[in-house]
C-alpha atoms as a PDB file:
ATOM      1  CA  MET A   1     -41.166  51.416 -68.345  1.00  0.00           C
ATOM      2  CA  SER A   2     -38.713  50.456 -71.053  1.00  0.00           C
ATOM      3  CA  ALA A   3     -35.272  48.920 -71.116  1.00  0.00           C
ATOM      4  CA  THR A   4     -32.540  47.962 -73.511  1.00  0.00           C
ATOM      5  CA  HIS A   5     -30.393  44.890 -72.939  1.00  0.00           C
ATOM      6  CA  PRO A   6     -28.172  44.378 -75.995  1.00  0.00           C
ATOM      7  CA  GLN A   7     -25.949  41.357 -76.284  1.00  0.00           C
ATOM      8  CA  HIS A   8     -22.183  41.655 -76.611  1.00  0.00           C
ATOM      9  CA  PRO A   9     -19.816  39.376 -78.500  1.00  0.00           C
ATOM     10  CA  HIS A  10     -17.504  37.414 -76.233  1.00  0.00           C
ATOM     11  CA  ASP A  11     -15.082  35.994 -78.767  1.00  0.00           C
ATOM     12  CA  HIS A  12     -12.079  37.320 -76.854  1.00  0.00           C
ATOM     13  CA  HIS A  13     -12.968  35.475 -73.628  1.00  0.00           C
ATOM     14  CA  SER A  14     -11.649  32.064 -74.719  1.00  0.00           C
ATOM     15  CA  ALA A  15      -8.306  33.672 -75.616  1.00  0.00           C
ATOM     16  CA  SER A  16      -8.332  35.478 -72.275  1.00  0.00           C
ATOM     17  CA  ARG A  17      -8.886  32.198 -70.432  1.00  0.00           C
ATOM     18  CA  ARG A  18      -5.979  30.575 -72.308  1.00  0.00           C
ATOM     19  CA  ARG A  19      -3.694  33.447 -71.314  1.00  0.00           C
ATOM     20  CA  LEU A  20      -4.760  33.153 -67.686  1.00  0.00           C
ATOM     21  CA  LEU A  21      -4.176  29.389 -67.723  1.00  0.00           C
ATOM     22  CA  LEU A  22      -0.704  29.732 -69.238  1.00  0.00           C
ATOM     23  CA  ALA A  23       0.219  32.453 -66.727  1.00  0.00           C
ATOM     24  CA  LEU A  24      -1.046  30.174 -63.938  1.00  0.00           C
ATOM     25  CA  LEU A  25       1.134  27.262 -65.055  1.00  0.00           C
ATOM     26  CA  LEU A  26       4.217  29.486 -65.398  1.00  0.00           C
ATOM     27  CA  THR A  27       3.690  31.068 -61.982  1.00  0.00           C
ATOM     28  CA  ALA A  28       2.964  27.840 -60.091  1.00  0.00           C
ATOM     29  CA  GLY A  29       5.925  26.037 -61.665  1.00  0.00           C
ATOM     30  CA  TYR A  30       8.409  28.759 -60.867  1.00  0.00           C
ATOM     31  CA  ALA A  31       7.048  29.306 -57.320  1.00  0.00           C
ATOM     32  CA  LEU A  32       8.291  25.818 -56.426  1.00  0.00           C
ATOM     33  CA  VAL A  33      11.722  26.476 -57.947  1.00  0.00           C
ATOM     34  CA  GLU A  34      12.049  29.842 -56.196  1.00  0.00           C
ATOM     35  CA  ALA A  35      10.975  28.477 -52.793  1.00  0.00           C
ATOM     36  CA  MET A  36      13.660  25.792 -52.992  1.00  0.00           C
ATOM     37  CA  GLY A  37      16.205  28.405 -54.064  1.00  0.00           C
ATOM     38  CA  GLY A  38      15.220  30.708 -51.203  1.00  0.00           C
ATOM     39  CA  LEU A  39      15.667  27.931 -48.635  1.00  0.00           C
ATOM     40  CA  TRP A  40      19.024  27.001 -50.147  1.00  0.00           C
ATOM     41  CA  SER A  41      20.383  30.562 -50.351  1.00  0.00           C
ATOM     42  CA  GLY A  42      18.806  31.889 -47.154  1.00  0.00           C
ATOM     43  CA  SER A  43      17.344  34.923 -48.983  1.00  0.00           C
ATOM     44  CA  LEU A  44      14.172  36.491 -47.596  1.00  0.00           C
ATOM     45  CA  ALA A  45      13.741  38.368 -50.870  1.00  0.00           C
ATOM     46  CA  LEU A  46      13.528  35.032 -52.694  1.00  0.00           C
ATOM     47  CA  LEU A  47      11.354  33.386 -50.050  1.00  0.00           C
ATOM     48  CA  SER A  48       8.954  36.327 -49.905  1.00  0.00           C
ATOM     49  CA  ASP A  49       8.756  36.377 -53.683  1.00  0.00           C
ATOM     50  CA  ALA A  50       8.156  32.611 -53.752  1.00  0.00           C
ATOM     51  CA  GLY A  51       5.375  32.975 -51.192  1.00  0.00           C
ATOM     52  CA  HIS A  52       4.008  35.820 -53.232  1.00  0.00           C
ATOM     53  CA  MET A  53       4.062  33.629 -56.344  1.00  0.00           C
ATOM     54  CA  VAL A  54       2.153  30.878 -54.540  1.00  0.00           C
ATOM     55  CA  THR A  55      -0.605  33.349 -53.729  1.00  0.00           C
ATOM     56  CA  ASP A  56      -0.373  34.573 -57.317  1.00  0.00           C
ATOM     57  CA  ALA A  57      -0.938  31.061 -58.615  1.00  0.00           C
ATOM     58  CA  ALA A  58      -4.015  30.823 -56.393  1.00  0.00           C
ATOM     59  CA  ALA A  59      -5.077  34.290 -57.530  1.00  0.00           C
ATOM     60  CA  LEU A  60      -4.728  33.362 -61.198  1.00  0.00           C
ATOM     61  CA  GLY A  61      -6.742  30.211 -60.572  1.00  0.00           C
ATOM     62  CA  LEU A  62      -9.425  32.289 -58.860  1.00  0.00           C
ATOM     63  CA  ALA A  63      -9.406  34.811 -61.714  1.00  0.00           C
ATOM     64  CA  LEU A  64      -9.794  31.985 -64.224  1.00  0.00           C
ATOM     65  CA  PHE A  65     -12.688  30.493 -62.261  1.00  0.00           C
ATOM     66  CA  ALA A  66     -14.374  33.902 -61.842  1.00  0.00           C
ATOM     67  CA  GLN A  67     -14.079  34.586 -65.565  1.00  0.00           C
ATOM     68  CA  MET A  68     -15.707  31.250 -66.384  1.00  0.00           C
ATOM     69  CA  VAL A  69     -18.544  31.887 -63.918  1.00  0.00           C
ATOM     70  CA  ALA A  70     -19.059  35.414 -65.278  1.00  0.00           C
ATOM     71  CA  ARG A  71     -19.790  34.001 -68.746  1.00  0.00           C
ATOM     72  CA  ARG A  72     -22.800  32.050 -67.473  1.00  0.00           C
ATOM     73  CA  PRO A  73     -26.105  33.398 -68.807  1.00  0.00           C
ATOM     74  CA  ALA A  74     -28.685  35.142 -66.639  1.00  0.00           C
ATOM     75  CA  SER A  75     -31.202  32.941 -64.831  1.00  0.00           C
ATOM     76  CA  THR A  76     -34.435  33.355 -62.906  1.00  0.00           C
ATOM     77  CA  ARG A  77     -32.374  33.539 -59.692  1.00  0.00           C
ATOM     78  CA  ASN A  78     -29.647  35.803 -61.095  1.00  0.00           C
ATOM     79  CA  SER A  79     -31.463  38.023 -63.559  1.00  0.00           C
ATOM     80  CA  TYR A  80     -28.432  40.265 -64.118  1.00  0.00           C
ATOM     81  CA  GLY A  81     -26.195  37.292 -64.849  1.00  0.00           C
ATOM     82  CA  TYR A  82     -22.856  36.568 -63.168  1.00  0.00           C
ATOM     83  CA  ALA A  83     -20.649  39.402 -64.437  1.00  0.00           C
ATOM     84  CA  ARG A  84     -19.896  40.538 -60.886  1.00  0.00           C
ATOM     85  CA  ALA A  85     -18.138  37.249 -60.188  1.00  0.00           C
ATOM     86  CA  GLU A  86     -15.082  38.888 -61.758  1.00  0.00           C
ATOM     87  CA  VAL A  87     -15.377  41.891 -59.425  1.00  0.00           C
ATOM     88  CA  LEU A  88     -15.721  39.595 -56.415  1.00  0.00           C
ATOM     89  CA  GLY A  89     -12.697  37.611 -57.617  1.00  0.00           C
ATOM     90  CA  ALA A  90     -10.700  40.836 -57.906  1.00  0.00           C
ATOM     91  CA  LEU A  91     -11.625  41.816 -54.334  1.00  0.00           C
ATOM     92  CA  ILE A  92     -10.695  38.401 -52.902  1.00  0.00           C
ATOM     93  CA  ASN A  93      -7.397  38.455 -54.792  1.00  0.00           C
ATOM     94  CA  SER A  94      -6.648  41.916 -53.438  1.00  0.00           C
ATOM     95  CA  LEU A  95      -7.300  40.786 -49.860  1.00  0.00           C
ATOM     96  CA  PHE A  96      -4.890  37.883 -50.363  1.00  0.00           C
ATOM     97  CA  MET A  97      -2.317  40.384 -51.569  1.00  0.00           C
ATOM     98  CA  LEU A  98      -2.766  42.522 -48.448  1.00  0.00           C
ATOM     99  CA  ALA A  99      -2.193  39.428 -46.299  1.00  0.00           C
ATOM    100  CA  MET A 100       0.995  38.684 -48.244  1.00  0.00           C
ATOM    101  CA  VAL A 101       2.223  42.261 -47.715  1.00  0.00           C
ATOM    102  CA  GLY A 102       1.711  41.806 -43.976  1.00  0.00           C
ATOM    103  CA  TRP A 103       3.765  38.600 -44.006  1.00  0.00           C
ATOM    104  CA  ILE A 104       6.628  40.204 -45.966  1.00  0.00           C
ATOM    105  CA  VAL A 105       6.763  43.187 -43.570  1.00  0.00           C
ATOM    106  CA  PHE A 106       6.758  40.887 -40.525  1.00  0.00           C
ATOM    107  CA  GLU A 107       9.572  38.730 -41.893  1.00  0.00           C
ATOM    108  CA  ALA A 108      11.621  41.727 -43.068  1.00  0.00           C
ATOM    109  CA  LEU A 109      11.485  43.417 -39.670  1.00  0.00           C
ATOM    110  CA  GLY A 110      12.620  40.175 -38.048  1.00  0.00           C
ATOM    111  CA  ARG A 111      15.559  39.906 -40.474  1.00  0.00           C
ATOM    112  CA  LEU A 112      16.579  43.510 -39.772  1.00  0.00           C
ATOM    113  CA  MET A 113      16.787  42.771 -36.045  1.00  0.00           C
ATOM    114  CA  GLN A 114      18.516  39.412 -36.570  1.00  0.00           C
ATOM    115  CA  PRO A 115      20.346  39.359 -39.950  1.00  0.00           C
ATOM    116  CA  LYS A 116      20.971  35.972 -41.560  1.00  0.00           C
ATOM    117  CA  PRO A 117      23.668  35.010 -44.096  1.00  0.00           C
ATOM    118  CA  VAL A 118      22.561  35.114 -47.729  1.00  0.00           C
ATOM    119  CA  ASN A 119      24.147  33.480 -50.809  1.00  0.00           C
ATOM    120  CA  GLY A 120      24.274  36.475 -53.157  1.00  0.00           C
ATOM    121  CA  VAL A 121      25.285  34.610 -56.334  1.00  0.00           C
ATOM    122  CA  GLY A 122      22.554  31.995 -55.882  1.00  0.00           C
ATOM    123  CA  VAL A 123      19.968  34.709 -55.307  1.00  0.00           C
ATOM    124  CA  ILE A 124      20.962  36.496 -58.525  1.00  0.00           C
ATOM    125  CA  ALA A 125      20.779  33.337 -60.656  1.00  0.00           C
ATOM    126  CA  ILE A 126      17.343  32.283 -59.403  1.00  0.00           C
ATOM    127  CA  ALA A 127      15.915  35.807 -59.447  1.00  0.00           C
ATOM    128  CA  VAL A 128      16.972  36.391 -63.082  1.00  0.00           C
ATOM    129  CA  VAL A 129      15.018  33.310 -64.165  1.00  0.00           C
ATOM    130  CA  GLY A 130      12.083  34.525 -62.075  1.00  0.00           C
ATOM    131  CA  LEU A 131      12.228  37.923 -63.737  1.00  0.00           C
ATOM    132  CA  LEU A 132      11.964  36.319 -67.188  1.00  0.00           C
ATOM    133  CA  VAL A 133       9.015  34.164 -66.079  1.00  0.00           C
ATOM    134  CA  ASN A 134       7.215  37.158 -64.591  1.00  0.00           C
ATOM    135  CA  LEU A 135       7.828  39.288 -67.677  1.00  0.00           C
ATOM    136  CA  LEU A 136       6.232  36.595 -69.824  1.00  0.00           C
ATOM    137  CA  ALA A 137       3.249  36.224 -67.466  1.00  0.00           C
ATOM    138  CA  ALA A 138       2.785  40.020 -67.308  1.00  0.00           C
ATOM    139  CA  TRP A 139       2.841  40.225 -71.103  1.00  0.00           C
ATOM    140  CA  LEU A 140       0.172  37.518 -71.342  1.00  0.00           C
ATOM    141  CA  LEU A 141      -2.129  39.300 -68.867  1.00  0.00           C
ATOM    142  CA  SER A 142      -1.528  42.849 -70.116  1.00  0.00           C
ATOM    143  CA  ASN A 143      -3.762  42.138 -73.125  1.00  0.00           C
ATOM    144  CA  ASP A 144      -6.750  42.016 -70.746  1.00  0.00           C
ATOM    145  CA  SER A 145      -5.771  44.898 -68.453  1.00  0.00           C
ATOM    146  CA  HIS A 146      -9.104  46.665 -69.164  1.00  0.00           C
ATOM    147  CA  ASN A 147     -10.855  43.868 -67.246  1.00  0.00           C
ATOM    148  CA  MET A 148     -10.846  44.309 -63.459  1.00  0.00           C
ATOM    149  CA  ASN A 149     -10.504  40.591 -62.759  1.00  0.00           C
ATOM    150  CA  SER A 150      -7.542  40.251 -65.134  1.00  0.00           C
ATOM    151  CA  ARG A 151      -6.090  43.497 -63.787  1.00  0.00           C
ATOM    152  CA  ALA A 152      -6.161  42.054 -60.268  1.00  0.00           C
ATOM    153  CA  ALA A 153      -4.266  39.007 -61.537  1.00  0.00           C
ATOM    154  CA  LEU A 154      -1.836  41.317 -63.357  1.00  0.00           C
ATOM    155  CA  MET A 155      -1.221  43.216 -60.102  1.00  0.00           C
ATOM    156  CA  HIS A 156      -0.121  39.943 -58.529  1.00  0.00           C
ATOM    157  CA  VAL A 157       2.280  39.205 -61.379  1.00  0.00           C
ATOM    158  CA  LEU A 158       3.694  42.753 -61.369  1.00  0.00           C
ATOM    159  CA  GLY A 159       4.270  42.373 -57.651  1.00  0.00           C
ATOM    160  CA  ASP A 160       6.230  39.207 -58.411  1.00  0.00           C
ATOM    161  CA  LEU A 161       8.181  41.058 -61.075  1.00  0.00           C
ATOM    162  CA  LEU A 162       9.147  43.744 -58.566  1.00  0.00           C
ATOM    163  CA  GLY A 163      10.111  41.013 -56.131  1.00  0.00           C
ATOM    164  CA  SER A 164      12.438  39.466 -58.704  1.00  0.00           C
ATOM    165  CA  VAL A 165      14.060  42.845 -59.388  1.00  0.00           C
ATOM    166  CA  ALA A 166      14.513  43.409 -55.648  1.00  0.00           C
ATOM    167  CA  ALA A 167      16.046  39.957 -55.240  1.00  0.00           C
ATOM    168  CA  ILE A 168      18.513  40.630 -58.077  1.00  0.00           C
ATOM    169  CA  LEU A 169      19.548  43.960 -56.521  1.00  0.00           C
ATOM    170  CA  ALA A 170      19.851  42.378 -53.084  1.00  0.00           C
ATOM    171  CA  GLY A 171      21.982  39.562 -54.487  1.00  0.00           C
ATOM    172  CA  LEU A 172      24.294  42.004 -56.254  1.00  0.00           C
ATOM    173  CA  VAL A 173      24.793  44.161 -53.140  1.00  0.00           C
ATOM    174  CA  ILE A 174      25.408  41.125 -50.932  1.00  0.00           C
ATOM    175  CA  TRP A 175      27.776  39.578 -53.481  1.00  0.00           C
ATOM    176  CA  LEU A 176      29.784  42.804 -53.902  1.00  0.00           C
ATOM    177  CA  THR A 177      29.695  44.207 -50.346  1.00  0.00           C
ATOM    178  CA  GLY A 178      28.457  41.466 -48.032  1.00  0.00           C
ATOM    179  CA  TRP A 179      25.860  43.866 -46.562  1.00  0.00           C
ATOM    180  CA  ALA A 180      22.989  41.462 -45.671  1.00  0.00           C
ATOM    181  CA  PRO A 181      20.393  44.047 -44.429  1.00  0.00           C
ATOM    182  CA  ILE A 182      19.785  45.097 -48.052  1.00  0.00           C
ATOM    183  CA  ASP A 183      17.745  41.893 -48.495  1.00  0.00           C
ATOM    184  CA  PRO A 184      14.949  42.743 -45.971  1.00  0.00           C
ATOM    185  CA  LEU A 185      15.130  46.473 -46.812  1.00  0.00           C
ATOM    186  CA  LEU A 186      14.349  45.835 -50.485  1.00  0.00           C
ATOM    187  CA  SER A 187      11.636  43.390 -49.433  1.00  0.00           C
ATOM    188  CA  LEU A 188       9.995  46.189 -47.435  1.00  0.00           C
ATOM    189  CA  LEU A 189      10.181  48.507 -50.453  1.00  0.00           C
ATOM    190  CA  VAL A 190       8.493  45.921 -52.666  1.00  0.00           C
ATOM    191  CA  ALA A 191       5.811  45.384 -50.001  1.00  0.00           C
ATOM    192  CA  LEU A 192       5.010  49.115 -49.975  1.00  0.00           C
ATOM    193  CA  LEU A 193       4.765  49.226 -53.777  1.00  0.00           C
ATOM    194  CA  ILE A 194       2.445  46.209 -53.792  1.00  0.00           C
ATOM    195  CA  LEU A 195       0.362  47.738 -50.994  1.00  0.00           C
ATOM    196  CA  ARG A 196      -0.293  50.904 -52.969  1.00  0.00           C
ATOM    197  CA  SER A 197      -1.531  49.214 -56.152  1.00  0.00           C
ATOM    198  CA  THR A 198      -3.485  46.562 -54.241  1.00  0.00           C
ATOM    199  CA  TRP A 199      -5.277  49.084 -52.034  1.00  0.00           C
ATOM    200  CA  ASN A 200      -6.447  50.993 -55.115  1.00  0.00           C
ATOM    201  CA  LEU A 201      -7.895  47.780 -56.509  1.00  0.00           C
ATOM    202  CA  VAL A 202      -9.648  47.035 -53.196  1.00  0.00           C
ATOM    203  CA  LEU A 203     -11.292  50.466 -53.328  1.00  0.00           C
ATOM    204  CA  GLN A 204     -12.355  50.050 -56.981  1.00  0.00           C
ATOM    205  CA  SER A 205     -13.822  46.577 -56.574  1.00  0.00           C
ATOM    206  CA  SER A 206     -15.590  47.534 -53.324  1.00  0.00           C
ATOM    207  CA  HIS A 207     -17.057  50.590 -55.061  1.00  0.00           C
ATOM    208  CA  MET A 208     -18.475  48.363 -57.803  1.00  0.00           C
ATOM    209  CA  LEU A 209     -19.933  45.868 -55.346  1.00  0.00           C
ATOM    210  CA  MET A 210     -21.535  48.759 -53.426  1.00  0.00           C
ATOM    211  CA  GLU A 211     -23.127  49.865 -56.740  1.00  0.00           C
ATOM    212  CA  GLY A 212     -21.367  53.221 -56.719  1.00  0.00           C
ATOM    213  CA  VAL A 213     -21.423  55.497 -59.749  1.00  0.00           C
ATOM    214  CA  PRO A 214     -18.626  54.484 -62.179  1.00  0.00           C
ATOM    215  CA  ALA A 215     -15.601  56.722 -61.674  1.00  0.00           C
ATOM    216  CA  HIS A 216     -15.491  57.806 -65.320  1.00  0.00           C
ATOM    217  CA  LEU A 217     -19.108  59.035 -65.330  1.00  0.00           C
ATOM    218  CA  ASP A 218     -20.623  62.257 -63.965  1.00  0.00           C
ATOM    219  CA  LEU A 219     -24.098  61.583 -62.543  1.00  0.00           C
ATOM    220  CA  GLU A 220     -25.086  65.252 -62.601  1.00  0.00           C
ATOM    221  CA  ALA A 221     -24.030  65.638 -66.241  1.00  0.00           C
ATOM    222  CA  ILE A 222     -26.036  62.569 -67.248  1.00  0.00           C
ATOM    223  CA  GLY A 223     -29.103  63.908 -65.451  1.00  0.00           C
ATOM    224  CA  LYS A 224     -28.798  67.263 -67.215  1.00  0.00           C
ATOM    225  CA  ALA A 225     -28.377  65.527 -70.593  1.00  0.00           C
ATOM    226  CA  LEU A 226     -31.599  63.569 -70.062  1.00  0.00           C
ATOM    227  CA  ALA A 227     -33.446  66.704 -68.900  1.00  0.00           C
ATOM    228  CA  MET A 228     -32.304  68.533 -72.060  1.00  0.00           C
ATOM    229  CA  LEU A 229     -34.199  66.118 -74.303  1.00  0.00           C
ATOM    230  CA  LYS A 230     -37.059  67.956 -76.003  1.00  0.00           C
ATOM    231  CA  GLY A 231     -40.280  67.171 -74.166  1.00  0.00           C
ATOM    232  CA  VAL A 232     -38.691  66.205 -70.832  1.00  0.00           C
ATOM    233  CA  GLN A 233     -39.706  68.375 -67.856  1.00  0.00           C
ATOM    234  CA  SER A 234     -37.506  66.834 -65.159  1.00  0.00           C
ATOM    235  CA  VAL A 235     -35.475  63.790 -64.160  1.00  0.00           C
ATOM    236  CA  HIS A 236     -35.378  62.104 -60.774  1.00  0.00           C
ATOM    237  CA  ASP A 237     -34.491  58.766 -59.154  1.00  0.00           C
ATOM    238  CA  LEU A 238     -31.457  58.644 -61.439  1.00  0.00           C
ATOM    239  CA  HIS A 239     -29.117  55.742 -60.704  1.00  0.00           C
ATOM    240  CA  VAL A 240     -25.988  54.600 -62.559  1.00  0.00           C
ATOM    241  CA  TRP A 241     -24.001  51.541 -61.515  1.00  0.00           C
ATOM    242  CA  HIS A 242     -21.747  48.745 -62.759  1.00  0.00           C
ATOM    243  CA  LEU A 243     -23.375  45.441 -63.705  1.00  0.00           C
ATOM    244  CA  GLY A 244     -19.863  44.058 -64.137  1.00  0.00           C
ATOM    245  CA  PRO A 245     -16.369  45.300 -64.977  1.00  0.00           C
ATOM    246  CA  GLU A 246     -17.334  46.128 -68.562  1.00  0.00           C
ATOM    247  CA  ARG A 247     -21.061  46.927 -68.364  1.00  0.00           C
ATOM    248  CA  VAL A 248     -22.859  49.961 -66.934  1.00  0.00           C
ATOM    249  CA  ALA A 249     -26.583  50.206 -66.152  1.00  0.00           C
ATOM    250  CA  LEU A 250     -28.862  53.218 -65.684  1.00  0.00           C
ATOM    251  CA  SER A 251     -32.390  53.709 -64.396  1.00  0.00           C
ATOM    252  CA  ALA A 252     -34.319  56.973 -64.131  1.00  0.00           C
ATOM    253  CA  HIS A 253     -37.809  58.441 -63.811  1.00  0.00           C
ATOM    254  CA  LEU A 254     -38.638  61.069 -66.448  1.00  0.00           C
ATOM    255  CA  ILE A 255     -41.475  63.580 -66.214  1.00  0.00           C
ATOM    256  CA  ILE A 256     -42.524  64.375 -69.784  1.00  0.00           C
ATOM    257  CA  ASP A 257     -44.982  66.827 -71.328  1.00  0.00           C
ATOM    258  CA  VAL A 258     -47.089  64.504 -73.444  1.00  0.00           C
ATOM    259  CA  ALA A 259     -47.508  60.742 -73.151  1.00  0.00           C
ATOM    260  CA  ASP A 260     -47.752  60.310 -76.924  1.00  0.00           C
ATOM    261  CA  ALA A 261     -44.153  61.577 -77.270  1.00  0.00           C
ATOM    262  CA  TRP A 262     -42.755  58.777 -75.099  1.00  0.00           C
ATOM    263  CA  PRO A 263     -41.637  56.367 -77.874  1.00  0.00           C
ATOM    264  CA  ARG A 264     -39.606  59.171 -79.494  1.00  0.00           C
ATOM    265  CA  LEU A 265     -38.117  60.288 -76.172  1.00  0.00           C
ATOM    266  CA  LEU A 266     -37.224  56.722 -75.181  1.00  0.00           C
ATOM    267  CA  ALA A 267     -35.359  56.101 -78.434  1.00  0.00           C
ATOM    268  CA  ALA A 268     -33.572  59.469 -78.180  1.00  0.00           C
ATOM    269  CA  GLY A 269     -32.560  58.855 -74.553  1.00  0.00           C
ATOM    270  CA  GLN A 270     -31.232  55.362 -75.248  1.00  0.00           C
ATOM    271  CA  ALA A 271     -29.225  56.534 -78.265  1.00  0.00           C
ATOM    272  CA  MET A 272     -27.737  59.497 -76.379  1.00  0.00           C
ATOM    273  CA  LEU A 273     -26.742  57.416 -73.327  1.00  0.00           C
ATOM    274  CA  ALA A 274     -25.115  54.725 -75.482  1.00  0.00           C
ATOM    275  CA  LYS A 275     -23.227  57.176 -77.713  1.00  0.00           C
ATOM    276  CA  ASP A 276     -22.117  59.805 -75.187  1.00  0.00           C
ATOM    277  CA  TYR A 277     -21.659  57.727 -72.031  1.00  0.00           C
ATOM    278  CA  GLY A 278     -21.289  54.096 -73.138  1.00  0.00           C
ATOM    279  CA  ILE A 279     -24.321  53.022 -71.079  1.00  0.00           C
ATOM    280  CA  ASP A 280     -26.012  50.106 -72.807  1.00  0.00           C
ATOM    281  CA  HIS A 281     -28.377  48.776 -70.121  1.00  0.00           C
ATOM    282  CA  VAL A 282     -30.994  51.518 -69.800  1.00  0.00           C
ATOM    283  CA  THR A 283     -34.303  51.469 -67.922  1.00  0.00           C
ATOM    284  CA  LEU A 284     -36.439  54.623 -68.128  1.00  0.00           C
ATOM    285  CA  GLN A 285     -39.820  55.099 -66.462  1.00  0.00           C
ATOM    286  CA  PRO A 286     -42.080  57.917 -67.745  1.00  0.00           C
ATOM    287  CA  SER A 287     -44.740  60.017 -66.073  1.00  0.00           C
ATOM    288  CA  TRP A 288     -46.574  62.640 -68.072  1.00  0.00           C
ATOM    289  CA  LEU A 289     -48.268  65.951 -67.485  1.00  0.00           C
ATOM    290  CA  GLN A 290     -50.722  65.385 -70.338  1.00  0.00           C
ATOM    291  CA  PRO A 291     -52.141  61.827 -70.659  1.00  0.00           C
ATOM    292  CA  PRO A 292     -52.509  59.982 -73.966  1.00  0.00           C
ATOM    293  CA  ARG A 293     -55.417  61.088 -76.103  1.00  0.00           C
ATOM    294  CA  GLY A 294     -58.675  59.393 -75.049  1.00  0.00           C
ATOM    295  CA  LYS A 295     -57.191  58.101 -71.787  1.00  0.00           C
ATOM    296  CA  VAL A 296     -56.817  59.248 -68.188  1.00  0.00           C
ATOM    297  CA  ILE A 297     -54.319  58.337 -65.487  1.00  0.00           C
ATOM    298  CA  SER A 298     -55.529  56.435 -62.417  1.00  0.00           C
ATOM    299  CA  LEU A 299     -53.312  54.980 -59.694  1.00  0.00           C
ATOM    300  CA  GLY A 300     -50.266  55.285 -61.944  1.00  0.00           C
ATOM    301  CA  ALA A 301     -51.720  53.088 -64.724  1.00  0.00           C
ATOM    302  CA  ILE A 302     -53.154  53.972 -68.128  1.00  0.00           C
ATOM    303  CA  VAL A 303     -56.845  53.118 -68.253  1.00  0.00           C
ATOM    304  CA  LYS A 304     -59.692  53.820 -70.592  1.00  0.00           C
ATOM    305  CA  ASN A 305     -61.809  56.862 -69.795  1.00  0.00           C
ATOM    306  CA  PRO A 306     -64.944  55.264 -68.238  1.00  0.00           C
ATOM    307  CA  HIS A 307     -67.175  58.076 -69.548  1.00  0.00           C
ATOM    308  CA  HIS A 308     -65.932  57.943 -73.136  1.00  0.00           C
ATOM    309  CA  GLY A 309     -68.661  56.766 -75.549  1.00  0.00           C
ATOM    310  CA  HIS A 310     -71.481  56.706 -72.926  1.00  0.00           C
ATOM    311  CA  LYS A 311     -74.705  58.670 -73.408  1.00  0.00           C
ATOM    312  CA  HIS A 312     -76.277  60.650 -70.565  1.00  0.00           C
END
């Protein structure tokens, strides 16, 4: 059985952590300002966005912590390392988002049945500042959007951004027409938009934690590619899964013609999987139809022929 476990440079991770920390400080600071503004103006759009930003601050803190844990090296207790901490962080963040969507919907329905007065001008002023803060935070996190953990944090910030836009629109309508129901109606729209993106992230992170085949890979195609290697008879027990958001692992059992060809086949299989599929953590186990010269197979192990060199 042979495996490859190459190391990857992680120079970008310190910059990623700085971006997460700055986004966290921006979000937490403005959440306090927006909550006070929502209470003063009576706007549910502002209050729901402020509540959303509080959960976002917690989510960014969780993403930062998960990223730090994920960088820890493998140990005797965690031989694969801690890369999945980022996937777990993404799932927890997504569940927080779903809870926030539920709260927004509950409050919006209550406001539709019993409308409350809203200060339109105050809502516009506070929401414009919030929009600028969220745009800056989204820009900081968009540089790491390939990472599931950072993408989960970005989903939170984009949800805040939509909330700020909704609050601005609600403030304008209320200021120009006095029609207060627009505030909870736009809050419901934002909740539905957040729900869609968050649910997709829940499905993706759950799929990774369940060790499902990565969505961008075709298991059948990979199996056929391995079977097409010269000297391979068949492939079985093929498994492909995520070690973490950015790493994919593969294990398979190959039946080969001749045991002596195994070093060549192993190198060819590793090179093909890395080049064509981006799989860099490969474990291949061989079985052969013809044993190595001068040896026989017994109980799955290579042993010396007991009769070789003996006189009768």
